[in-house]
């Protein structure tokens, strides 16, 4: 049989690890490779939309940018408008994992999760996003959200189960689009009220849910100098709109 970490609550009493060594829960190393993962063809998904391959495309209601942060960034939040959403995407960040070269746990900025794929000046790239907003107008644009499935509590444990349960966050996103969720205004964006997340059937305490969506005041104050350093790398071509968004963020977080 094949087993992977997180598949069951308790690990098997004995198995063969990725280095073909005997492994037990008392072993010093984890059984899986640090960057282990598995994939499956998308067309095997029973919920695949019939428009999946439609050549004329489909309307886009929302963009979700995803980063991997153990702290500061909440489970999900919505930008206030297109320019703010572009700013959220521009400062998107993740903590390095075994998939990246260098030290693990270092915060790395990754605009729109596209850093390895931006084939021209990054300031021009984010300017293109700003220009889209000028061309189409706020009402006709997708709403922009950021998600973070990887927030941890003070004990280093993930506060959100992730995987298939992430659809519960997508439900809140849809509720926002349809005007069914009010959310709560914070200095960084609109976050869910804990009671707006459908956690039916999950083994989560109200405290865990609140931790997943809380605004981390100290964390965001500490984030400001890192964001400033990052934006400085764009040089003089950084769009003025993003400079304004950063100044607004500094004022709202009190940094």
Foldseek 3Di string as FASTA:
>chain_A
DDDDPPPDPDDDQWDQAPVRDIDGPPDPDDRYDQPDDDDDDPVVDPPDDPCNPPPVDDQAAEDEQEEADQDQDFQKFWAPFQLLLLLCQQQGWYFATPVDPDDGGHIDGQRSVQNVPPPDQVLVVSVVSVVVCVPPPGVRDHTYMYGYQHHHDPVNHGLHSDDPLCVLVVVLVVCVSVVNFDADDALSGGWGDLVSGPQPPPPHDSVSSCRRTDRDLVSLQVCLVVSVVSQCVSPPSRDPSSVVSSVSSCVRSVD
